[in-house]
Amino acid sequence: MKTIAARELQKKIKPCLDDAQEDRVIITRRGKPAAVLIGVEGEDWETVILETDPTFWRMIQARRVQPTMTVEELQTRLKSTR
């Protein structure tokens, strides 16, 4: 993982963008982590937006704690609603 100071980033943005396609680049301010640069080249917009949307991830987290059912239970439930 590469680390670069915010001031240096202004001068070396292209190489940092290239590095970010392979691994995360930590951007520091006054020696402390301030941001993370993550490459998304080749991804579609919808994927990028969903992967970075906190609301989406809260929804996923909430769904994961809900009880699950087997396929057979789902089929039985669907038949009873018809």
N, C-alpha and C. Protein backbone atom coordinates (compact mmCIF):
# COMPACT_ATOMS: atom_id res chain seq x y z
N MET A 1 0.85 -1.17 0.00
CA MET A 1 0.00 0.00 0.00
C MET A 1 0.90 1.23 0.00
N LYS A 2 0.61 2.12 -0.92
CA LYS A 2 1.42 3.34 -1.05
C LYS A 2 0.83 4.45 -0.18
N THR A 3 1.70 5.31 0.31
CA THR A 3 1.29 6.48 1.08
C THR A 3 1.89 7.71 0.43
N ILE A 4 1.08 8.77 0.35
CA ILE A 4 1.57 10.02 -0.23
C ILE A 4 0.96 11.19 0.53
N ALA A 5 1.74 12.23 0.70
CA ALA A 5 1.26 13.44 1.37
C ALA A 5 0.35 14.21 0.41
N ALA A 6 -0.63 14.89 0.96
CA ALA A 6 -1.58 15.65 0.14
C ALA A 6 -0.87 16.66 -0.76
N ARG A 7 0.14 17.28 -0.26
CA ARG A 7 0.89 18.26 -1.07
C ARG A 7 1.59 17.59 -2.25
N GLU A 8 2.13 16.41 -2.03
CA GLU A 8 2.80 15.67 -3.10
C GLU A 8 1.79 15.15 -4.13
N LEU A 9 0.60 14.84 -3.67
CA LEU A 9 -0.43 14.31 -4.56
C LEU A 9 -0.73 15.28 -5.70
N GLN A 10 -0.72 16.58 -5.40
CA GLN A 10 -0.98 17.58 -6.43
C GLN A 10 0.05 17.50 -7.56
N LYS A 11 1.27 17.15 -7.21
CA LYS A 11 2.34 17.09 -8.20
C LYS A 11 2.40 15.74 -8.92
N LYS A 12 1.90 14.68 -8.25
CA LYS A 12 2.06 13.32 -8.78
C LYS A 12 0.73 12.58 -8.91
N ILE A 13 -0.30 13.28 -9.35
CA ILE A 13 -1.63 12.68 -9.41
C ILE A 13 -1.68 11.50 -10.39
N LYS A 14 -1.07 11.65 -11.56
CA LYS A 14 -1.14 10.57 -12.56
C LYS A 14 -0.54 9.26 -12.05
N PRO A 15 0.69 9.26 -11.52
CA PRO A 15 1.23 8.01 -11.00
C PRO A 15 0.41 7.44 -9.84
N CYS A 16 -0.18 8.32 -9.03
CA CYS A 16 -1.00 7.85 -7.91
C CYS A 16 -2.29 7.19 -8.42
N LEU A 17 -2.88 7.77 -9.46
CA LEU A 17 -4.07 7.15 -10.06
C LEU A 17 -3.73 5.79 -10.63
N ASP A 18 -2.57 5.69 -11.26
CA ASP A 18 -2.14 4.40 -11.80
C ASP A 18 -1.92 3.39 -10.67
N ASP A 19 -1.26 3.82 -9.60
CA ASP A 19 -1.04 2.94 -8.44
C ASP A 19 -2.34 2.51 -7.80
N ALA A 20 -3.32 3.41 -7.78
CA ALA A 20 -4.60 3.11 -7.13
C ALA A 20 -5.38 2.02 -7.86
N GLN A 21 -5.07 1.79 -9.12
CA GLN A 21 -5.75 0.72 -9.86
C GLN A 21 -5.30 -0.65 -9.36
N GLU A 22 -4.12 -0.70 -8.77
CA GLU A 22 -3.56 -1.97 -8.27
C GLU A 22 -3.77 -2.14 -6.77
N ASP A 23 -3.67 -1.06 -6.02
CA ASP A 23 -3.78 -1.13 -4.56
C ASP A 23 -4.22 0.25 -4.05
N ARG A 24 -4.70 0.28 -2.85
CA ARG A 24 -5.13 1.55 -2.27
C ARG A 24 -3.95 2.46 -2.01
N VAL A 25 -4.20 3.75 -2.15
CA VAL A 25 -3.17 4.76 -1.88
C VAL A 25 -3.68 5.62 -0.72
N ILE A 26 -2.92 5.64 0.36
CA ILE A 26 -3.29 6.43 1.53
C ILE A 26 -2.75 7.84 1.35
N ILE A 27 -3.64 8.82 1.48
CA ILE A 27 -3.24 10.22 1.38
C ILE A 27 -3.17 10.78 2.79
N THR A 28 -2.03 11.37 3.11
CA THR A 28 -1.84 11.88 4.47
C THR A 28 -1.85 13.40 4.48
N ARG A 29 -2.21 13.93 5.63
CA ARG A 29 -2.16 15.37 5.87
C ARG A 29 -1.43 15.53 7.21
N ARG A 30 -0.34 16.26 7.17
CA ARG A 30 0.51 16.44 8.36
C ARG A 30 0.92 15.10 8.97
N GLY A 31 1.18 14.13 8.11
CA GLY A 31 1.67 12.83 8.56
C GLY A 31 0.60 11.86 9.05
N LYS A 32 -0.66 12.27 9.02
CA LYS A 32 -1.75 11.40 9.49
C LYS A 32 -2.67 11.05 8.32
N PRO A 33 -3.21 9.83 8.30
CA PRO A 33 -4.11 9.44 7.21
C PRO A 33 -5.30 10.39 7.11
N ALA A 34 -5.61 10.84 5.88
CA ALA A 34 -6.72 11.76 5.67
C ALA A 34 -7.73 11.20 4.67
N ALA A 35 -7.27 10.37 3.73
CA ALA A 35 -8.16 9.83 2.71
C ALA A 35 -7.53 8.58 2.10
N VAL A 36 -8.35 7.86 1.36
CA VAL A 36 -7.88 6.68 0.65
C VAL A 36 -8.28 6.83 -0.81
N LEU A 37 -7.33 6.63 -1.70
CA LEU A 37 -7.59 6.68 -3.13
C LEU A 37 -7.73 5.24 -3.62
N ILE A 38 -8.89 4.94 -4.21
CA ILE A 38 -9.16 3.58 -4.68
C ILE A 38 -9.46 3.66 -6.17
N GLY A 39 -8.76 2.87 -6.95
CA GLY A 39 -8.97 2.86 -8.39
C GLY A 39 -10.27 2.15 -8.76
N VAL A 40 -10.98 2.72 -9.71
CA VAL A 40 -12.25 2.12 -10.16
C VAL A 40 -12.27 1.99 -11.69
N GLU A 41 -11.12 2.10 -12.30
CA GLU A 41 -11.04 2.00 -13.75
C GLU A 41 -11.60 0.65 -14.21
N GLY A 42 -12.46 0.70 -15.22
CA GLY A 42 -13.05 -0.53 -15.75
C GLY A 42 -14.36 -0.92 -15.08
N GLU A 43 -14.74 -0.24 -14.02
CA GLU A 43 -16.01 -0.51 -13.33
C GLU A 43 -17.09 0.36 -13.94
N ASP A 44 -18.34 -0.09 -13.86
CA ASP A 44 -19.41 0.78 -14.34
C ASP A 44 -19.86 1.70 -13.21
N TRP A 45 -20.52 2.79 -13.57
CA TRP A 45 -20.92 3.81 -12.59
C TRP A 45 -21.80 3.25 -11.50
N GLU A 46 -22.76 2.39 -11.87
CA GLU A 46 -23.68 1.85 -10.87
C GLU A 46 -22.93 1.07 -9.79
N THR A 47 -21.97 0.27 -10.20
CA THR A 47 -21.18 -0.49 -9.24
C THR A 47 -20.41 0.44 -8.31
N VAL A 48 -19.76 1.44 -8.88
CA VAL A 48 -18.98 2.39 -8.08
C VAL A 48 -19.87 3.11 -7.07
N ILE A 49 -21.04 3.55 -7.52
CA ILE A 49 -21.94 4.28 -6.63
C ILE A 49 -22.44 3.38 -5.51
N LEU A 50 -22.86 2.16 -5.83
CA LEU A 50 -23.36 1.26 -4.79
C LEU A 50 -22.26 0.86 -3.80
N GLU A 51 -21.07 0.60 -4.31
CA GLU A 51 -19.99 0.17 -3.42
C GLU A 51 -19.54 1.28 -2.47
N THR A 52 -19.86 2.51 -2.78
CA THR A 52 -19.42 3.62 -1.93
C THR A 52 -20.58 4.30 -1.21
N ASP A 53 -21.77 3.74 -1.31
CA ASP A 53 -22.96 4.35 -0.71
C ASP A 53 -23.22 3.78 0.69
N PRO A 54 -23.05 4.58 1.74
CA PRO A 54 -23.26 4.09 3.11
C PRO A 54 -24.69 3.60 3.35
N THR A 55 -25.68 4.22 2.72
CA THR A 55 -27.06 3.79 2.88
C THR A 55 -27.25 2.37 2.36
N PHE A 56 -26.66 2.08 1.22
CA PHE A 56 -26.73 0.74 0.63
C PHE A 56 -26.12 -0.29 1.59
N TRP A 57 -24.96 0.02 2.16
CA TRP A 57 -24.30 -0.93 3.05
C TRP A 57 -25.04 -1.10 4.37
N ARG A 58 -25.70 -0.05 4.85
CA ARG A 58 -26.54 -0.20 6.05
C ARG A 58 -27.70 -1.14 5.77
N MET A 59 -28.29 -1.01 4.57
CA MET A 59 -29.39 -1.89 4.18
C MET A 59 -28.90 -3.35 4.10
N ILE A 60 -27.75 -3.57 3.50
CA ILE A 60 -27.18 -4.92 3.41
C ILE A 60 -26.94 -5.48 4.81
N GLN A 61 -26.38 -4.67 5.68
CA GLN A 61 -26.10 -5.10 7.05
C GLN A 61 -27.39 -5.47 7.78
N ALA A 62 -28.43 -4.69 7.61
CA ALA A 62 -29.71 -4.98 8.25
C ALA A 62 -30.31 -6.27 7.71
N ARG A 63 -30.18 -6.51 6.42
CA ARG A 63 -30.72 -7.74 5.83
C ARG A 63 -29.98 -8.98 6.31
N ARG A 64 -28.71 -8.84 6.55
CA ARG A 64 -27.90 -9.99 6.96
C ARG A 64 -28.28 -10.52 8.34
N VAL A 65 -28.85 -9.70 9.18
CA VAL A 65 -29.24 -10.16 10.52
C VAL A 65 -30.66 -10.70 10.54
N GLN A 66 -31.39 -10.53 9.45
CA GLN A 66 -32.75 -11.07 9.38
C GLN A 66 -32.68 -12.59 9.21
N PRO A 67 -33.70 -13.29 9.75
CA PRO A 67 -33.70 -14.74 9.59
C PRO A 67 -33.85 -15.13 8.11
N THR A 68 -33.27 -16.25 7.76
CA THR A 68 -33.35 -16.74 6.39
C THR A 68 -34.29 -17.94 6.32
N MET A 69 -34.63 -18.36 5.11
CA MET A 69 -35.49 -19.53 4.94
C MET A 69 -34.94 -20.39 3.81
N THR A 70 -35.31 -21.65 3.84
CA THR A 70 -34.87 -22.56 2.79
C THR A 70 -35.70 -22.31 1.54
N VAL A 71 -35.22 -22.87 0.42
CA VAL A 71 -35.97 -22.75 -0.83
C VAL A 71 -37.33 -23.40 -0.68
N GLU A 72 -37.38 -24.53 0.01
CA GLU A 72 -38.64 -25.23 0.20
C GLU A 72 -39.64 -24.37 0.99
N GLU A 73 -39.15 -23.70 2.03
CA GLU A 73 -40.02 -22.81 2.81
C GLU A 73 -40.54 -21.66 1.95
N LEU A 74 -39.68 -21.12 1.10
CA LEU A 74 -40.09 -20.04 0.21
C LEU A 74 -41.14 -20.51 -0.78
N GLN A 75 -40.94 -21.70 -1.35
CA GLN A 75 -41.91 -22.24 -2.30
C GLN A 75 -43.26 -22.48 -1.63
N THR A 76 -43.24 -22.99 -0.40
CA THR A 76 -44.48 -23.21 0.34
C THR A 76 -45.18 -21.89 0.60
N ARG A 77 -44.43 -20.88 1.00
CA ARG A 77 -45.00 -19.57 1.27
C ARG A 77 -45.62 -18.96 0.00
N LEU A 78 -44.91 -19.10 -1.12
CA LEU A 78 -45.41 -18.56 -2.38
C LEU A 78 -46.69 -19.29 -2.84
N LYS A 79 -46.75 -20.59 -2.63
CA LYS A 79 -47.94 -21.36 -3.02
C LYS A 79 -49.15 -20.95 -2.19
N SER A 80 -48.91 -20.66 -0.92
CA SER A 80 -50.03 -20.31 -0.05
C SER A 80 -50.58 -18.92 -0.32
N THR A 81 -49.84 -18.08 -1.01
CA THR A 81 -50.32 -16.73 -1.32
C THR A 81 -51.08 -16.68 -2.65
N ARG A 82 -51.06 -17.75 -3.39
CA ARG A 82 -51.74 -17.77 -4.69
C ARG A 82 -53.17 -18.12 -4.57
